[in-house]
């Protein structure tokens, strides 16, 4: 079987991947301590809740969200289009 990342097979993306895109590891540690372990968790959480994480400024939260949005497509897609994508 080919080596596939969790994201390619539909699993959640761990927040550590954000470090590869310019987010500091200490900021990721703060997020994990606050209970946000995946990129999807960050994107599904309202911004006003993320800025309450101790040690994260509004600017840092905006940057984290922006990077996360580049990694995860949060747009609507039909089940049939998702199925076709998974078949590939």
N, C-alpha and C. Protein backbone atom coordinates (compact mmCIF):
# COMPACT_ATOMS: atom_id res chain seq x y z
N UNK A 1 0.84 -1.18 0.00
CA UNK A 1 0.00 0.00 0.00
C UNK A 1 0.89 1.24 0.00
N UNK A 2 0.48 2.25 -0.75
CA UNK A 2 1.26 3.48 -0.82
C UNK A 2 1.16 4.24 0.49
N UNK A 3 2.23 4.97 0.80
CA UNK A 3 2.24 5.79 2.01
C UNK A 3 1.43 7.06 1.75
N UNK A 4 0.29 7.20 2.45
CA UNK A 4 -0.56 8.37 2.28
C UNK A 4 -0.69 9.10 3.61
N UNK A 5 -0.71 10.43 3.53
CA UNK A 5 -0.91 11.20 4.75
C UNK A 5 -2.36 11.08 5.19
N UNK A 6 -2.62 11.41 6.46
CA UNK A 6 -3.99 11.34 6.97
C UNK A 6 -4.90 12.28 6.20
N UNK A 7 -4.39 13.44 5.79
CA UNK A 7 -5.22 14.40 5.07
C UNK A 7 -5.67 13.83 3.73
N UNK A 8 -4.80 13.08 3.08
CA UNK A 8 -5.15 12.51 1.78
C UNK A 8 -6.22 11.45 1.89
N UNK A 9 -6.29 10.77 3.01
CA UNK A 9 -7.29 9.72 3.15
C UNK A 9 -8.47 10.17 3.99
N UNK A 10 -8.55 11.45 4.29
CA UNK A 10 -9.70 12.00 4.96
C UNK A 10 -9.60 12.15 6.46
N UNK A 11 -8.45 11.90 7.04
CA UNK A 11 -8.30 12.05 8.48
C UNK A 11 -7.99 13.49 8.86
N UNK A 12 -8.08 13.78 10.15
CA UNK A 12 -7.78 15.15 10.61
C UNK A 12 -6.29 15.46 10.48
N UNK A 13 -6.00 16.73 10.26
CA UNK A 13 -4.62 17.20 10.10
C UNK A 13 -4.15 17.76 11.44
N UNK A 14 -3.10 17.19 12.00
CA UNK A 14 -2.57 17.63 13.29
C UNK A 14 -1.99 19.05 13.16
N UNK A 15 -2.10 19.84 14.23
CA UNK A 15 -1.68 21.24 14.15
C UNK A 15 -0.18 21.42 13.98
N UNK A 16 0.60 20.38 14.25
CA UNK A 16 2.05 20.49 14.07
C UNK A 16 2.42 20.84 12.62
N UNK A 17 1.56 20.52 11.67
CA UNK A 17 1.84 20.84 10.28
C UNK A 17 1.89 22.36 10.06
N UNK A 18 1.26 23.12 10.93
CA UNK A 18 1.28 24.58 10.80
C UNK A 18 2.68 25.15 11.01
N UNK A 19 3.52 24.43 11.76
CA UNK A 19 4.88 24.89 11.99
C UNK A 19 5.68 24.93 10.69
N UNK A 20 5.36 24.02 9.78
CA UNK A 20 6.03 23.99 8.47
C UNK A 20 5.62 25.18 7.61
N UNK A 21 4.59 25.91 8.05
CA UNK A 21 4.08 27.04 7.29
C UNK A 21 4.23 28.36 8.04
N UNK A 22 5.19 28.41 8.97
CA UNK A 22 5.55 29.67 9.60
C UNK A 22 4.94 29.97 10.96
N UNK A 23 4.17 29.05 11.52
CA UNK A 23 3.59 29.27 12.84
C UNK A 23 4.58 28.75 13.89
N UNK A 24 4.85 29.53 14.90
CA UNK A 24 5.85 29.18 15.90
C UNK A 24 5.37 28.01 16.77
N UNK A 25 6.31 27.16 17.14
CA UNK A 25 5.97 25.96 17.92
C UNK A 25 5.40 26.31 19.29
N UNK A 26 5.84 27.41 19.90
CA UNK A 26 5.28 27.77 21.21
C UNK A 26 3.81 28.20 21.09
N UNK A 27 3.42 28.78 19.95
CA UNK A 27 2.02 29.13 19.73
C UNK A 27 1.19 27.86 19.53
N UNK A 28 1.75 26.89 18.85
CA UNK A 28 1.05 25.62 18.66
C UNK A 28 0.89 24.89 19.98
N UNK A 29 1.90 25.00 20.84
CA UNK A 29 1.82 24.38 22.16
C UNK A 29 0.68 25.00 22.97
N UNK A 30 0.52 26.31 22.88
CA UNK A 30 -0.57 26.99 23.59
C UNK A 30 -1.93 26.51 23.08
N UNK A 31 -2.03 26.35 21.78
CA UNK A 31 -3.28 25.86 21.20
C UNK A 31 -3.60 24.44 21.67
N UNK A 32 -2.58 23.59 21.66
CA UNK A 32 -2.79 22.21 22.11
C UNK A 32 -3.19 22.16 23.57
N UNK A 33 -2.56 22.97 24.39
CA UNK A 33 -2.91 23.01 25.81
C UNK A 33 -4.34 23.49 26.03
N UNK A 34 -4.83 24.30 25.10
CA UNK A 34 -6.21 24.80 25.18
C UNK A 34 -7.21 23.82 24.56
N UNK A 35 -6.70 22.70 24.01
CA UNK A 35 -7.60 21.68 23.49
C UNK A 35 -7.76 21.65 21.98
N UNK A 36 -6.97 22.42 21.26
CA UNK A 36 -7.06 22.45 19.80
C UNK A 36 -5.91 21.63 19.21
N UNK A 37 -6.19 20.40 18.84
CA UNK A 37 -5.14 19.50 18.37
C UNK A 37 -5.07 19.32 16.87
N UNK A 38 -6.08 19.82 16.16
CA UNK A 38 -6.09 19.64 14.71
C UNK A 38 -6.34 20.97 14.01
N UNK A 39 -5.95 21.03 12.75
CA UNK A 39 -6.19 22.22 11.94
C UNK A 39 -7.69 22.43 11.79
N UNK A 40 -8.43 21.35 11.64
CA UNK A 40 -9.89 21.44 11.49
C UNK A 40 -10.52 22.05 12.75
N UNK A 41 -10.01 21.68 13.92
CA UNK A 41 -10.54 22.24 15.17
C UNK A 41 -10.36 23.76 15.20
N UNK A 42 -9.24 24.22 14.71
CA UNK A 42 -8.98 25.66 14.66
C UNK A 42 -9.97 26.35 13.72
N UNK A 43 -10.18 25.75 12.55
CA UNK A 43 -11.06 26.36 11.57
C UNK A 43 -12.53 26.33 11.97
N UNK A 44 -12.94 25.34 12.74
CA UNK A 44 -14.33 25.25 13.18
C UNK A 44 -14.61 26.07 14.43
N UNK A 45 -13.58 26.60 15.05
CA UNK A 45 -13.74 27.39 16.27
C UNK A 45 -13.85 28.87 15.90
N UNK A 46 -14.84 29.55 16.45
CA UNK A 46 -14.95 30.99 16.17
C UNK A 46 -13.69 31.74 16.62
N UNK A 47 -13.33 32.74 15.85
CA UNK A 47 -12.13 33.54 16.12
C UNK A 47 -12.16 34.11 17.54
N UNK A 48 -13.34 34.56 17.98
CA UNK A 48 -13.46 35.17 19.30
C UNK A 48 -13.10 34.20 20.43
N UNK A 49 -13.21 32.90 20.17
CA UNK A 49 -12.81 31.90 21.17
C UNK A 49 -11.30 31.67 21.12
N UNK A 50 -10.74 31.71 19.92
CA UNK A 50 -9.29 31.49 19.79
C UNK A 50 -8.48 32.62 20.42
N UNK A 51 -8.98 33.85 20.35
CA UNK A 51 -8.23 34.97 20.93
C UNK A 51 -8.24 34.90 22.46
N UNK A 52 -9.07 34.05 23.03
CA UNK A 52 -9.09 33.87 24.48
C UNK A 52 -7.98 32.94 24.98
N UNK A 53 -7.32 32.24 24.04
CA UNK A 53 -6.21 31.36 24.42
C UNK A 53 -5.09 32.23 24.97
N UNK A 54 -4.68 31.93 26.20
CA UNK A 54 -3.67 32.74 26.86
C UNK A 54 -2.36 32.74 26.07
N UNK A 55 -1.87 33.95 25.80
CA UNK A 55 -0.59 34.08 25.10
C UNK A 55 -0.70 34.29 23.60
N UNK A 56 -1.93 34.24 23.06
CA UNK A 56 -2.11 34.45 21.62
C UNK A 56 -2.78 35.81 21.38
N UNK A 57 -2.10 36.65 20.62
CA UNK A 57 -2.67 37.95 20.28
C UNK A 57 -3.65 37.80 19.12
N UNK A 58 -4.42 38.83 18.86
CA UNK A 58 -5.37 38.80 17.75
C UNK A 58 -4.62 38.63 16.43
N UNK A 59 -3.47 39.28 16.30
CA UNK A 59 -2.68 39.16 15.06
C UNK A 59 -2.20 37.72 14.85
N UNK A 60 -1.75 37.07 15.93
CA UNK A 60 -1.28 35.69 15.82
C UNK A 60 -2.43 34.78 15.43
N UNK A 61 -3.59 34.98 16.05
CA UNK A 61 -4.76 34.16 15.73
C UNK A 61 -5.15 34.34 14.27
N UNK A 62 -5.14 35.58 13.78
CA UNK A 62 -5.46 35.83 12.37
C UNK A 62 -4.49 35.12 11.45
N UNK A 63 -3.20 35.14 11.79
CA UNK A 63 -2.19 34.47 10.97
C UNK A 63 -2.40 32.95 10.99
N UNK A 64 -2.68 32.40 12.17
CA UNK A 64 -2.91 30.96 12.30
C UNK A 64 -4.10 30.54 11.47
N UNK A 65 -5.19 31.31 11.55
CA UNK A 65 -6.39 30.99 10.78
C UNK A 65 -6.10 31.07 9.28
N UNK A 66 -5.38 32.11 8.86
CA UNK A 66 -5.06 32.28 7.44
C UNK A 66 -4.25 31.10 6.91
N UNK A 67 -3.26 30.66 7.68
CA UNK A 67 -2.45 29.52 7.26
C UNK A 67 -3.30 28.25 7.22
N UNK A 68 -4.13 28.06 8.24
CA UNK A 68 -4.98 26.87 8.29
C UNK A 68 -5.93 26.82 7.10
N UNK A 69 -6.45 27.97 6.69
CA UNK A 69 -7.36 28.02 5.55
C UNK A 69 -6.68 27.64 4.24
N UNK A 70 -5.36 27.87 4.16
CA UNK A 70 -4.65 27.47 2.94
C UNK A 70 -4.47 25.95 2.88
N UNK A 71 -4.52 25.30 4.04
CA UNK A 71 -4.29 23.85 4.10
C UNK A 71 -5.57 23.03 3.97
N UNK A 72 -6.68 23.58 4.43
CA UNK A 72 -7.94 22.84 4.46
C UNK A 72 -8.97 23.59 3.63
N UNK A 73 -9.59 22.88 2.70
CA UNK A 73 -10.66 23.47 1.89
C UNK A 73 -11.96 23.37 2.68
N UNK A 74 -12.45 24.51 3.13
CA UNK A 74 -13.67 24.53 3.94
C UNK A 74 -14.92 24.85 3.13
N UNK A 75 -14.80 24.83 1.82
CA UNK A 75 -15.97 25.14 1.00
C UNK A 75 -16.89 23.92 0.90
N UNK A 76 -18.14 24.18 0.58
CA UNK A 76 -19.12 23.12 0.44
C UNK A 76 -18.82 22.28 -0.79
N UNK A 77 -19.02 20.98 -0.65
CA UNK A 77 -18.94 20.10 -1.80
C UNK A 77 -19.96 18.99 -1.63
N UNK A 78 -20.51 18.55 -2.75
CA UNK A 78 -21.52 17.50 -2.68
C UNK A 78 -20.87 16.17 -2.35
N UNK A 79 -21.67 15.25 -1.87
CA UNK A 79 -21.16 13.93 -1.53
C UNK A 79 -20.61 13.23 -2.77
N UNK A 80 -21.26 13.41 -3.90
CA UNK A 80 -20.78 12.74 -5.12
C UNK A 80 -19.43 13.29 -5.57
N UNK A 81 -19.22 14.61 -5.45
CA UNK A 81 -17.92 15.17 -5.84
C UNK A 81 -16.84 14.73 -4.86
N UNK A 82 -17.17 14.63 -3.58
CA UNK A 82 -16.23 14.15 -2.58
C UNK A 82 -15.87 12.69 -2.86
N UNK A 83 -16.88 11.89 -3.22
CA UNK A 83 -16.65 10.48 -3.54
C UNK A 83 -15.72 10.34 -4.74
N UNK A 84 -15.93 11.15 -5.76
CA UNK A 84 -15.06 11.10 -6.95
C UNK A 84 -13.62 11.48 -6.59
N UNK A 85 -13.47 12.47 -5.72
CA UNK A 85 -12.14 12.87 -5.29
C UNK A 85 -11.45 11.74 -4.52
N UNK A 86 -12.21 11.07 -3.67
CA UNK A 86 -11.66 9.97 -2.88
C UNK A 86 -11.26 8.78 -3.76
N UNK A 87 -12.00 8.56 -4.86
CA UNK A 87 -11.68 7.45 -5.76
C UNK A 87 -10.31 7.63 -6.39
N UNK A 88 -9.94 8.88 -6.64
CA UNK A 88 -8.64 9.15 -7.25
C UNK A 88 -7.54 8.83 -6.28
